[in-house]
C-alpha atoms as a PDB file:
ATOM      1  CA  MET A   1      13.602   2.339 -41.162  1.00  0.00           C
ATOM      2  CA  LEU A   2      13.702   1.785 -37.397  1.00  0.00           C
ATOM      3  CA  LYS A   3      17.484   1.545 -37.391  1.00  0.00           C
ATOM      4  CA  SER A   4      17.762   4.847 -39.239  1.00  0.00           C
ATOM      5  CA  ILE A   5      15.889   6.746 -36.495  1.00  0.00           C
ATOM      6  CA  LYS A   6      17.295   4.842 -33.521  1.00  0.00           C
ATOM      7  CA  PRO A   7      18.988   7.359 -31.175  1.00  0.00           C
ATOM      8  CA  LYS A   8      22.615   6.922 -30.279  1.00  0.00           C
ATOM      9  CA  GLY A   9      23.599   5.457 -26.931  1.00  0.00           C
ATOM     10  CA  ARG A  10      25.066   8.809 -25.902  1.00  0.00           C
ATOM     11  CA  THR A  11      21.734  10.529 -26.558  1.00  0.00           C
ATOM     12  CA  ILE A  12      19.843   7.964 -24.462  1.00  0.00           C
ATOM     13  CA  PHE A  13      22.398   8.356 -21.682  1.00  0.00           C
ATOM     14  CA  MET A  14      22.001  12.150 -21.652  1.00  0.00           C
ATOM     15  CA  PHE A  15      18.202  11.881 -21.448  1.00  0.00           C
ATOM     16  CA  LEU A  16      18.448   9.440 -18.543  1.00  0.00           C
ATOM     17  CA  LEU A  17      21.251  11.218 -16.709  1.00  0.00           C
ATOM     18  CA  ILE A  18      19.219  13.898 -14.917  1.00  0.00           C
ATOM     19  CA  PRO A  19      16.365  11.539 -13.822  1.00  0.00           C
ATOM     20  CA  MET A  20      18.939   9.034 -12.537  1.00  0.00           C
ATOM     21  CA  ILE A  21      20.831  11.719 -10.621  1.00  0.00           C
ATOM     22  CA  TRP A  22      17.567  12.953  -9.109  1.00  0.00           C
ATOM     23  CA  TYR A  23      16.551   9.370  -8.204  1.00  0.00           C
ATOM     24  CA  LEU A  24      19.907   8.696  -6.544  1.00  0.00           C
ATOM     25  CA  PHE A  25      19.679  11.981  -4.640  1.00  0.00           C
ATOM     26  CA  ALA A  26      16.079  11.391  -3.507  1.00  0.00           C
ATOM     27  CA  VAL A  27      16.368   7.687  -2.606  1.00  0.00           C
ATOM     28  CA  PHE A  28      19.889   6.423  -2.083  1.00  0.00           C
ATOM     29  CA  VAL A  29      21.493   9.482  -0.488  1.00  0.00           C
ATOM     30  CA  PRO A  30      18.910   9.596   2.376  1.00  0.00           C
ATOM     31  CA  LEU A  31      19.246   5.834   2.820  1.00  0.00           C
ATOM     32  CA  ILE A  32      23.040   5.976   3.032  1.00  0.00           C
ATOM     33  CA  THR A  33      22.817   8.996   5.343  1.00  0.00           C
ATOM     34  CA  ALA A  34      20.375   7.146   7.614  1.00  0.00           C
ATOM     35  CA  LEU A  35      22.709   4.130   7.658  1.00  0.00           C
ATOM     36  CA  TYR A  36      25.607   6.401   8.647  1.00  0.00           C
ATOM     37  CA  TYR A  37      23.727   8.097  11.494  1.00  0.00           C
ATOM     38  CA  SER A  38      22.350   4.781  12.750  1.00  0.00           C
ATOM     39  CA  PHE A  39      25.795   4.006  14.171  1.00  0.00           C
ATOM     40  CA  TYR A  40      25.694   7.085  16.394  1.00  0.00           C
ATOM     41  CA  GLU A  41      23.919   8.224  19.511  1.00  0.00           C
ATOM     42  CA  TRP A  42      22.606  11.535  18.240  1.00  0.00           C
ATOM     43  CA  LYS A  43      20.000  13.761  19.831  1.00  0.00           C
ATOM     44  CA  GLY A  44      20.329  16.497  17.200  1.00  0.00           C
ATOM     45  CA  GLY A  45      22.856  19.302  16.923  1.00  0.00           C
ATOM     46  CA  PRO A  46      26.579  19.025  16.216  1.00  0.00           C
ATOM     47  CA  GLN A  47      27.378  16.531  18.974  1.00  0.00           C
ATOM     48  CA  LYS A  48      27.052  12.839  18.219  1.00  0.00           C
ATOM     49  CA  THR A  49      28.749   9.792  19.726  1.00  0.00           C
ATOM     50  CA  PHE A  50      29.689   6.651  17.828  1.00  0.00           C
ATOM     51  CA  ASN A  51      28.074   3.618  19.481  1.00  0.00           C
ATOM     52  CA  GLY A  52      28.530   0.903  16.850  1.00  0.00           C
ATOM     53  CA  LEU A  53      25.692  -1.598  16.629  1.00  0.00           C
ATOM     54  CA  THR A  54      23.993  -0.490  19.850  1.00  0.00           C
ATOM     55  CA  ASN A  55      21.045   1.068  18.011  1.00  0.00           C
ATOM     56  CA  PHE A  56      20.486  -2.069  15.934  1.00  0.00           C
ATOM     57  CA  ASN A  57      20.716  -4.268  19.008  1.00  0.00           C
ATOM     58  CA  GLN A  58      18.073  -2.075  20.637  1.00  0.00           C
ATOM     59  CA  LEU A  59      15.957  -2.275  17.470  1.00  0.00           C
ATOM     60  CA  ILE A  60      16.016  -6.082  17.453  1.00  0.00           C
ATOM     61  CA  HIS A  61      14.659  -6.134  21.017  1.00  0.00           C
ATOM     62  CA  ASP A  62      12.231  -3.230  20.513  1.00  0.00           C
ATOM     63  CA  THR A  63       8.744  -4.685  21.028  1.00  0.00           C
ATOM     64  CA  VAL A  64       7.032  -1.510  19.757  1.00  0.00           C
ATOM     65  CA  PHE A  65       8.902  -1.714  16.446  1.00  0.00           C
ATOM     66  CA  TRP A  66       7.897  -5.340  15.918  1.00  0.00           C
ATOM     67  CA  GLN A  67       4.334  -4.577  16.965  1.00  0.00           C
ATOM     68  CA  SER A  68       4.368  -1.820  14.340  1.00  0.00           C
ATOM     69  CA  PHE A  69       5.757  -4.286  11.807  1.00  0.00           C
ATOM     70  CA  GLY A  70       2.845  -6.618  12.583  1.00  0.00           C
ATOM     71  CA  HIS A  71       0.408  -3.755  11.968  1.00  0.00           C
ATOM     72  CA  ASN A  72       2.027  -3.105   8.590  1.00  0.00           C
ATOM     73  CA  ILE A  73       1.623  -6.767   7.701  1.00  0.00           C
ATOM     74  CA  TYR A  74      -2.039  -6.510   8.702  1.00  0.00           C
ATOM     75  CA  LEU A  75      -2.449  -3.535   6.366  1.00  0.00           C
ATOM     76  CA  VAL A  76      -0.708  -5.425   3.557  1.00  0.00           C
ATOM     77  CA  LEU A  77      -3.005  -8.446   3.868  1.00  0.00           C
ATOM     78  CA  ALA A  78      -6.133  -6.310   4.280  1.00  0.00           C
ATOM     79  CA  CYS A  79      -5.282  -4.157   1.266  1.00  0.00           C
ATOM     80  CA  ILE A  80      -4.292  -7.057  -0.995  1.00  0.00           C
ATOM     81  CA  ILE A  81      -7.721  -8.543  -0.347  1.00  0.00           C
ATOM     82  CA  GLY A  82      -9.611  -5.257  -0.170  1.00  0.00           C
ATOM     83  CA  GLN A  83      -7.914  -3.160  -2.825  1.00  0.00           C
ATOM     84  CA  ILE A  84      -6.859  -5.711  -5.455  1.00  0.00           C
ATOM     85  CA  GLY A  85      -9.623  -8.223  -4.723  1.00  0.00           C
ATOM     86  CA  ILE A  86     -12.452  -5.696  -4.919  1.00  0.00           C
ATOM     87  CA  ALA A  87     -10.807  -3.992  -7.896  1.00  0.00           C
ATOM     88  CA  PHE A  88     -10.697  -7.344  -9.748  1.00  0.00           C
ATOM     89  CA  VAL A  89     -14.398  -7.950  -9.093  1.00  0.00           C
ATOM     90  CA  LEU A  90     -15.309  -4.420 -10.193  1.00  0.00           C
ATOM     91  CA  VAL A  91     -13.278  -4.808 -13.379  1.00  0.00           C
ATOM     92  CA  LEU A  92     -15.167  -7.980 -14.270  1.00  0.00           C
ATOM     93  CA  MET A  93     -18.449  -6.153 -13.655  1.00  0.00           C
ATOM     94  CA  ILE A  94     -17.441  -3.084 -15.685  1.00  0.00           C
ATOM     95  CA  ASN A  95     -16.090  -5.268 -18.488  1.00  0.00           C
ATOM     96  CA  SER A  96     -19.443  -7.021 -18.765  1.00  0.00           C
ATOM     97  CA  ARG A  97     -21.532  -6.393 -21.860  1.00  0.00           C
ATOM     98  CA  LEU A  98     -24.461  -5.432 -19.621  1.00  0.00           C
ATOM     99  CA  VAL A  99     -22.699  -2.366 -18.186  1.00  0.00           C
ATOM    100  CA  LYS A 100     -23.013   0.921 -20.053  1.00  0.00           C
ATOM    101  CA  LEU A 101     -20.938   4.115 -19.779  1.00  0.00           C
ATOM    102  CA  LYS A 102     -17.745   2.254 -18.919  1.00  0.00           C
ATOM    103  CA  GLY A 103     -15.648   5.425 -19.181  1.00  0.00           C
ATOM    104  CA  ILE A 104     -17.676   7.138 -16.456  1.00  0.00           C
ATOM    105  CA  HIS A 105     -17.273   4.135 -14.152  1.00  0.00           C
ATOM    106  CA  ARG A 106     -13.507   4.189 -14.680  1.00  0.00           C
ATOM    107  CA  THR A 107     -13.314   7.934 -14.039  1.00  0.00           C
ATOM    108  CA  PHE A 108     -15.352   7.938 -10.833  1.00  0.00           C
ATOM    109  CA  GLY A 109     -13.645   4.743  -9.632  1.00  0.00           C
ATOM    110  CA  PHE A 110     -10.202   6.300 -10.038  1.00  0.00           C
ATOM    111  CA  PHE A 111     -11.184   9.677  -8.523  1.00  0.00           C
ATOM    112  CA  PRO A 112     -10.558   8.792  -4.803  1.00  0.00           C
ATOM    113  CA  SER A 113      -6.912   7.913  -5.521  1.00  0.00           C
ATOM    114  CA  THR A 114      -6.313  11.488  -6.713  1.00  0.00           C
ATOM    115  CA  ILE A 115      -7.312  12.939  -3.329  1.00  0.00           C
ATOM    116  CA  SER A 116      -4.641  13.767  -0.765  1.00  0.00           C
ATOM    117  CA  ALA A 117      -4.190  11.023   1.818  1.00  0.00           C
ATOM    118  CA  VAL A 118      -4.398  13.648   4.571  1.00  0.00           C
ATOM    119  CA  CYS A 119      -7.805  14.783   3.288  1.00  0.00           C
ATOM    120  CA  VAL A 120      -9.013  11.186   3.144  1.00  0.00           C
ATOM    121  CA  GLY A 121      -7.807  10.656   6.702  1.00  0.00           C
ATOM    122  CA  PHE A 122      -9.665  13.727   7.950  1.00  0.00           C
ATOM    123  CA  VAL A 123     -12.872  12.702   6.157  1.00  0.00           C
ATOM    124  CA  TRP A 124     -12.841   9.222   7.665  1.00  0.00           C
ATOM    125  CA  LYS A 125     -11.905  10.604  11.067  1.00  0.00           C
ATOM    126  CA  MET A 126     -15.074  12.713  10.885  1.00  0.00           C
ATOM    127  CA  ILE A 127     -17.055   9.611   9.872  1.00  0.00           C
ATOM    128  CA  TYR A 128     -15.819   7.821  13.005  1.00  0.00           C
ATOM    129  CA  ASP A 129     -16.314  10.846  15.286  1.00  0.00           C
ATOM    130  CA  ASN A 130     -18.306   9.775  18.354  1.00  0.00           C
ATOM    131  CA  LYS A 131     -20.374  12.988  18.555  1.00  0.00           C
ATOM    132  CA  ARG A 132     -20.806  14.225  14.983  1.00  0.00           C
ATOM    133  CA  GLY A 133     -19.771  11.197  12.958  1.00  0.00           C
ATOM    134  CA  ILE A 134     -22.091   9.689  10.362  1.00  0.00           C
ATOM    135  CA  LEU A 135     -21.421   6.161  11.629  1.00  0.00           C
ATOM    136  CA  ASN A 136     -22.813   6.794  15.107  1.00  0.00           C
ATOM    137  CA  TRP A 137     -25.622   8.894  13.580  1.00  0.00           C
ATOM    138  CA  PHE A 138     -26.619   5.968  11.375  1.00  0.00           C
ATOM    139  CA  LEU A 139     -26.616   3.549  14.313  1.00  0.00           C
ATOM    140  CA  GLU A 140     -28.804   5.931  16.314  1.00  0.00           C
ATOM    141  CA  THR A 141     -31.158   6.344  13.353  1.00  0.00           C
ATOM    142  CA  ILE A 142     -31.770   2.607  13.056  1.00  0.00           C
ATOM    143  CA  GLY A 143     -32.266   2.272  16.822  1.00  0.00           C
ATOM    144  CA  LYS A 144     -28.852   0.813  17.704  1.00  0.00           C
ATOM    145  CA  GLU A 145     -27.738   3.494  20.184  1.00  0.00           C
ATOM    146  CA  ASP A 146     -26.096   0.828  22.339  1.00  0.00           C
ATOM    147  CA  LYS A 147     -23.662   0.108  19.481  1.00  0.00           C
ATOM    148  CA  THR A 148     -22.342   3.669  19.276  1.00  0.00           C
ATOM    149  CA  GLN A 149     -18.862   4.239  20.651  1.00  0.00           C
ATOM    150  CA  VAL A 150     -15.641   6.225  20.328  1.00  0.00           C
ATOM    151  CA  TRP A 151     -14.529   4.111  17.390  1.00  0.00           C
ATOM    152  CA  LEU A 152     -10.886   5.134  17.095  1.00  0.00           C
ATOM    153  CA  ASN A 153     -10.351   4.454  20.829  1.00  0.00           C
ATOM    154  CA  ASN A 154     -11.315   0.806  20.414  1.00  0.00           C
ATOM    155  CA  THR A 155      -7.974  -1.018  20.470  1.00  0.00           C
ATOM    156  CA  GLU A 156      -9.490  -4.189  19.008  1.00  0.00           C
ATOM    157  CA  LEU A 157     -11.051  -2.444  15.987  1.00  0.00           C
ATOM    158  CA  VAL A 158      -8.704   0.454  15.343  1.00  0.00           C
ATOM    159  CA  MET A 159      -6.474  -1.317  12.782  1.00  0.00           C
ATOM    160  CA  PHE A 160      -9.509  -2.448  10.803  1.00  0.00           C
ATOM    161  CA  LEU A 161     -10.934   1.078  10.961  1.00  0.00           C
ATOM    162  CA  VAL A 162      -7.749   2.729   9.680  1.00  0.00           C
ATOM    163  CA  ALA A 163      -7.414   0.081   6.947  1.00  0.00           C
ATOM    164  CA  LEU A 164     -10.825   0.970   5.474  1.00  0.00           C
ATOM    165  CA  PRO A 165      -9.758   4.415   4.167  1.00  0.00           C
ATOM    166  CA  LEU A 166      -6.674   2.869   2.574  1.00  0.00           C
ATOM    167  CA  ILE A 167      -8.794   0.228   0.868  1.00  0.00           C
ATOM    168  CA  TRP A 168     -11.425   2.732  -0.262  1.00  0.00           C
ATOM    169  CA  GLN A 169      -8.945   5.243  -1.669  1.00  0.00           C
ATOM    170  CA  PHE A 170      -6.929   2.892  -3.878  1.00  0.00           C
ATOM    171  CA  ILE A 171      -9.501   0.442  -5.235  1.00  0.00           C
ATOM    172  CA  GLY A 172      -9.857   2.650  -8.315  1.00  0.00           C
ATOM    173  CA  TYR A 173      -6.087   2.832  -8.789  1.00  0.00           C
ATOM    174  CA  TYR A 174      -5.769  -0.935  -9.096  1.00  0.00           C
ATOM    175  CA  MET A 175      -9.039  -1.124 -11.012  1.00  0.00           C
ATOM    176  CA  VAL A 176      -7.543   0.969 -13.823  1.00  0.00           C
ATOM    177  CA  ILE A 177      -4.400  -1.190 -13.953  1.00  0.00           C
ATOM    178  CA  ILE A 178      -6.327  -4.472 -14.004  1.00  0.00           C
ATOM    179  CA  LEU A 179      -8.876  -3.108 -16.480  1.00  0.00           C
ATOM    180  CA  SER A 180      -6.112  -2.242 -18.939  1.00  0.00           C
ATOM    181  CA  ALA A 181      -4.796  -5.813 -18.665  1.00  0.00           C
ATOM    182  CA  VAL A 182      -8.243  -7.394 -19.108  1.00  0.00           C
ATOM    183  CA  SER A 183      -9.000  -5.119 -22.076  1.00  0.00           C
ATOM    184  CA  SER A 184      -5.923  -6.441 -23.871  1.00  0.00           C
ATOM    185  CA  VAL A 185      -7.288 -10.018 -23.773  1.00  0.00           C
ATOM    186  CA  ASP A 186      -8.921 -11.130 -27.012  1.00  0.00           C
ATOM    187  CA  THR A 187     -12.713 -11.018 -26.578  1.00  0.00           C
ATOM    188  CA  GLU A 188     -13.048 -14.172 -28.674  1.00  0.00           C
ATOM    189  CA  ILE A 189     -11.579 -16.150 -25.769  1.00  0.00           C
ATOM    190  CA  PHE A 190     -14.462 -15.095 -23.531  1.00  0.00           C
ATOM    191  CA  GLU A 191     -17.027 -15.707 -26.242  1.00  0.00           C
ATOM    192  CA  VAL A 192     -15.772 -19.253 -26.836  1.00  0.00           C
ATOM    193  CA  ALA A 193     -15.727 -19.971 -23.103  1.00  0.00           C
ATOM    194  CA  GLU A 194     -19.270 -18.663 -22.786  1.00  0.00           C
ATOM    195  CA  LEU A 195     -20.410 -20.876 -25.674  1.00  0.00           C
ATOM    196  CA  ASP A 196     -18.790 -23.861 -23.939  1.00  0.00           C
ATOM    197  CA  GLY A 197     -20.977 -23.185 -20.898  1.00  0.00           C
ATOM    198  CA  ALA A 198     -18.461 -21.473 -18.576  1.00  0.00           C
ATOM    199  CA  ASN A 199     -20.203 -19.194 -16.101  1.00  0.00           C
ATOM    200  CA  ALA A 200     -18.859 -15.818 -14.963  1.00  0.00           C
ATOM    201  CA  PHE A 201     -17.019 -17.278 -11.964  1.00  0.00           C
ATOM    202  CA  GLN A 202     -15.318 -19.959 -14.069  1.00  0.00           C
ATOM    203  CA  ARG A 203     -14.282 -17.417 -16.702  1.00  0.00           C
ATOM    204  CA  ALA A 204     -12.801 -15.200 -13.987  1.00  0.00           C
ATOM    205  CA  ILE A 205     -10.836 -17.994 -12.281  1.00  0.00           C
ATOM    206  CA  TYR A 206      -9.730 -20.138 -15.207  1.00  0.00           C
ATOM    207  CA  ILE A 207      -9.368 -17.568 -17.984  1.00  0.00           C
ATOM    208  CA  VAL A 208      -8.921 -14.029 -16.689  1.00  0.00           C
ATOM    209  CA  LEU A 209      -6.645 -14.774 -13.736  1.00  0.00           C
ATOM    210  CA  PRO A 210      -4.064 -16.842 -15.673  1.00  0.00           C
ATOM    211  CA  LEU A 211      -3.959 -14.334 -18.517  1.00  0.00           C
ATOM    212  CA  ILE A 212      -3.354 -11.290 -16.316  1.00  0.00           C
ATOM    213  CA  LYS A 213      -1.242 -12.920 -13.609  1.00  0.00           C
ATOM    214  CA  ASN A 214       1.802 -10.759 -14.416  1.00  0.00           C
ATOM    215  CA  THR A 215      -0.273  -7.605 -14.009  1.00  0.00           C
ATOM    216  CA  LEU A 216      -1.631  -8.913 -10.704  1.00  0.00           C
ATOM    217  CA  LEU A 217       1.930  -9.580  -9.565  1.00  0.00           C
ATOM    218  CA  VAL A 218       2.770  -5.932 -10.276  1.00  0.00           C
ATOM    219  CA  CYS A 219      -0.360  -4.832  -8.376  1.00  0.00           C
ATOM    220  CA  VAL A 220       0.535  -6.965  -5.365  1.00  0.00           C
ATOM    221  CA  THR A 221       4.104  -5.605  -5.367  1.00  0.00           C
ATOM    222  CA  LEU A 222       2.816  -2.023  -5.486  1.00  0.00           C
ATOM    223  CA  CYS A 223       0.286  -2.789  -2.743  1.00  0.00           C
ATOM    224  CA  VAL A 224       2.901  -4.356  -0.452  1.00  0.00           C
ATOM    225  CA  SER A 225       5.453  -1.584  -0.954  1.00  0.00           C
ATOM    226  CA  GLY A 226       2.815   1.113  -0.447  1.00  0.00           C
ATOM    227  CA  ASN A 227       1.401  -0.324   2.764  1.00  0.00           C
ATOM    228  CA  MET A 228       4.775  -1.150   4.282  1.00  0.00           C
ATOM    229  CA  LYS A 229       5.452   2.603   4.354  1.00  0.00           C
ATOM    230  CA  ALA A 230       1.924   3.717   5.298  1.00  0.00           C
ATOM    231  CA  PHE A 231       1.997   6.950   7.270  1.00  0.00           C
ATOM    232  CA  ASP A 232      -0.386   9.739   6.164  1.00  0.00           C
ATOM    233  CA  HIS A 233      -3.705   8.092   7.008  1.00  0.00           C
ATOM    234  CA  ILE A 234      -2.450   6.795  10.357  1.00  0.00           C
ATOM    235  CA  TYR A 235      -0.952  10.129  11.371  1.00  0.00           C
ATOM    236  CA  THR A 236      -4.118  12.027  10.471  1.00  0.00           C
ATOM    237  CA  MET A 237      -6.568   9.634  12.123  1.00  0.00           C
ATOM    238  CA  THR A 238      -4.887   8.232  15.247  1.00  0.00           C
ATOM    239  CA  GLU A 239      -1.169   9.208  15.363  1.00  0.00           C
ATOM    240  CA  GLY A 240      -0.537   5.560  16.211  1.00  0.00           C
ATOM    241  CA  GLY A 241      -2.927   5.451  19.162  1.00  0.00           C
ATOM    242  CA  PRO A 242      -4.587   4.642  21.376  1.00  0.00           C
ATOM    243  CA  GLY A 243      -1.255   3.710  22.909  1.00  0.00           C
ATOM    244  CA  TYR A 244       0.561   1.794  20.195  1.00  0.00           C
ATOM    245  CA  SER A 245      -2.476  -0.124  18.946  1.00  0.00           C
ATOM    246  CA  SER A 246      -2.369   1.454  15.465  1.00  0.00           C
ATOM    247  CA  MET A 247       1.320   2.301  15.317  1.00  0.00           C
ATOM    248  CA  VAL A 248       3.041   1.495  12.016  1.00  0.00           C
ATOM    249  CA  MET A 249       6.755   1.482  11.284  1.00  0.00           C
ATOM    250  CA  ALA A 250       6.923   4.829   9.469  1.00  0.00           C
ATOM    251  CA  MET A 251       4.898   6.473  12.231  1.00  0.00           C
ATOM    252  CA  TYR A 252       7.188   4.953  14.863  1.00  0.00           C
ATOM    253  CA  GLY A 253      10.279   6.170  13.003  1.00  0.00           C
ATOM    254  CA  TYR A 254       8.806   9.680  12.863  1.00  0.00           C
ATOM    255  CA  LYS A 255       7.901   9.583  16.567  1.00  0.00           C
ATOM    256  CA  VAL A 256      11.371   8.444  17.651  1.00  0.00           C
ATOM    257  CA  SER A 257      13.235  10.828  15.355  1.00  0.00           C
ATOM    258  CA  PHE A 258      11.262  14.062  15.641  1.00  0.00           C
ATOM    259  CA  GLN A 259       9.080  13.840  18.731  1.00  0.00           C
ATOM    260  CA  GLU A 260      11.635  12.185  21.007  1.00  0.00           C
ATOM    261  CA  MET A 261      14.571  13.781  19.093  1.00  0.00           C
ATOM    262  CA  ASN A 262      16.484  10.506  19.123  1.00  0.00           C
ATOM    263  CA  LEU A 263      17.828  10.866  15.585  1.00  0.00           C
ATOM    264  CA  GLY A 264      20.456   8.138  15.863  1.00  0.00           C
ATOM    265  CA  TYR A 265      17.981   5.447  16.868  1.00  0.00           C
ATOM    266  CA  GLY A 266      15.408   6.917  14.476  1.00  0.00           C
ATOM    267  CA  SER A 267      17.892   6.367  11.647  1.00  0.00           C
ATOM    268  CA  ALA A 268      18.279   2.744  12.748  1.00  0.00           C
ATOM    269  CA  VAL A 269      14.480   2.406  12.662  1.00  0.00           C
ATOM    270  CA  SER A 270      14.491   3.799   9.109  1.00  0.00           C
ATOM    271  CA  VAL A 271      17.069   1.225   8.041  1.00  0.00           C
ATOM    272  CA  GLY A 272      14.957  -1.460   9.725  1.00  0.00           C
ATOM    273  CA  ILE A 273      11.899  -0.290   7.777  1.00  0.00           C
ATOM    274  CA  PHE A 274      13.842  -0.552   4.505  1.00  0.00           C
ATOM    275  CA  VAL A 275      15.180  -4.042   5.261  1.00  0.00           C
ATOM    276  CA  THR A 276      11.879  -5.478   6.515  1.00  0.00           C
ATOM    277  CA  SER A 277       9.889  -3.923   3.646  1.00  0.00           C
ATOM    278  CA  LEU A 278      12.301  -5.262   1.037  1.00  0.00           C
ATOM    279  CA  THR A 279      12.203  -8.695   2.660  1.00  0.00           C
ATOM    280  CA  VAL A 280       8.391  -8.791   2.690  1.00  0.00           C
ATOM    281  CA  ILE A 281       8.205  -7.710  -0.966  1.00  0.00           C
ATOM    282  CA  LEU A 282      10.672 -10.416  -2.039  1.00  0.00           C
ATOM    283  CA  VAL A 283       8.880 -13.097   0.002  1.00  0.00           C
ATOM    284  CA  VAL A 284       5.478 -12.130  -1.451  1.00  0.00           C
ATOM    285  CA  GLN A 285       6.853 -12.231  -4.993  1.00  0.00           C
ATOM    286  CA  LYS A 286       8.402 -15.656  -4.393  1.00  0.00           C
ATOM    287  CA  VAL A 287       5.163 -17.022  -2.909  1.00  0.00           C
ATOM    288  CA  ILE A 288       3.059 -15.726  -5.804  1.00  0.00           C
ATOM    289  CA  LYS A 289       5.450 -17.091  -8.427  1.00  0.00           C
ATOM    290  CA  PHE A 290       5.547 -20.461  -6.647  1.00  0.00           C
ATOM    291  CA  TYR A 291       1.774 -20.850  -6.549  1.00  0.00           C
ATOM    292  CA  THR A 292       1.200 -19.615 -10.080  1.00  0.00           C
ATOM    293  CA  ARG A 293       3.850 -22.010 -11.350  1.00  0.00           C
ATOM    294  CA  ASP A 294       2.359 -24.833  -9.287  1.00  0.00           C
ATOM    295  CA  ALA A 295      -1.016 -24.067 -10.832  1.00  0.00           C
ATOM    296  CA  GLY A 296       0.478 -24.484 -14.280  1.00  0.00           C
ATOM    297  CA  VAL A 297       0.046 -20.926 -15.467  1.00  0.00           C
ATOM    298  CA  GLU A 298       3.686 -20.016 -15.940  1.00  0.00           C
END
């Protein structure tokens, strides 16, 4: 029966042709174009001068770029713990037999991820506002006026402060993914474990985690790739400031290309973002696979 309705290879190819062309045009053409322009000194306009690997040599010794790379790594680590970690805990709570109206919890949990990142950035910027922000208002209300400050000007806290909106917005996104994986696990496994005396923590660590490890690997990959190209929240809240204390790679590439109009070097920065992001994703995947295999859950 299945063979009789199986579409021909030509039909499948025709259905995939337009999406593949669009994907190549939207992803690979800009990347190849950026690689081409990265070999030129180009300030915009028709005049550009070939300078070989000069831009890449400058990129390797660019301390601001590597500082921005470090900030992206900070966001990756913070969001893996904050987004996926909190989402995993919330899923276990929602999946409990004691929780009612699970559909409502899923809906409201996922809602923040549907909001524009620019809107989220503006909302949290207002929360941190030193004059009208709710954070300083709360501190004043509880008698901690000495703790109030211009939060986004604090170079030691600014990366943590801009990471919070990212964590808050996408907890629900990963919660839905993890919840779908946990829901596919046979409930009898949990019932047997509970009868054997396993508490909630033991069931989470020794049963749930091994069974959904492939889903978690996908979540971590999505989290790493998303935060290695973080831009919207940073641009809205701080524009990379104060100084370069919250600068990320995408923001730095934008600044070099369109604010300084150094399009040749900006293209080299874009290529650097692609290479470093791909490297981090591959390293994270290798590390996760190594530890899960070492734990005997392969």
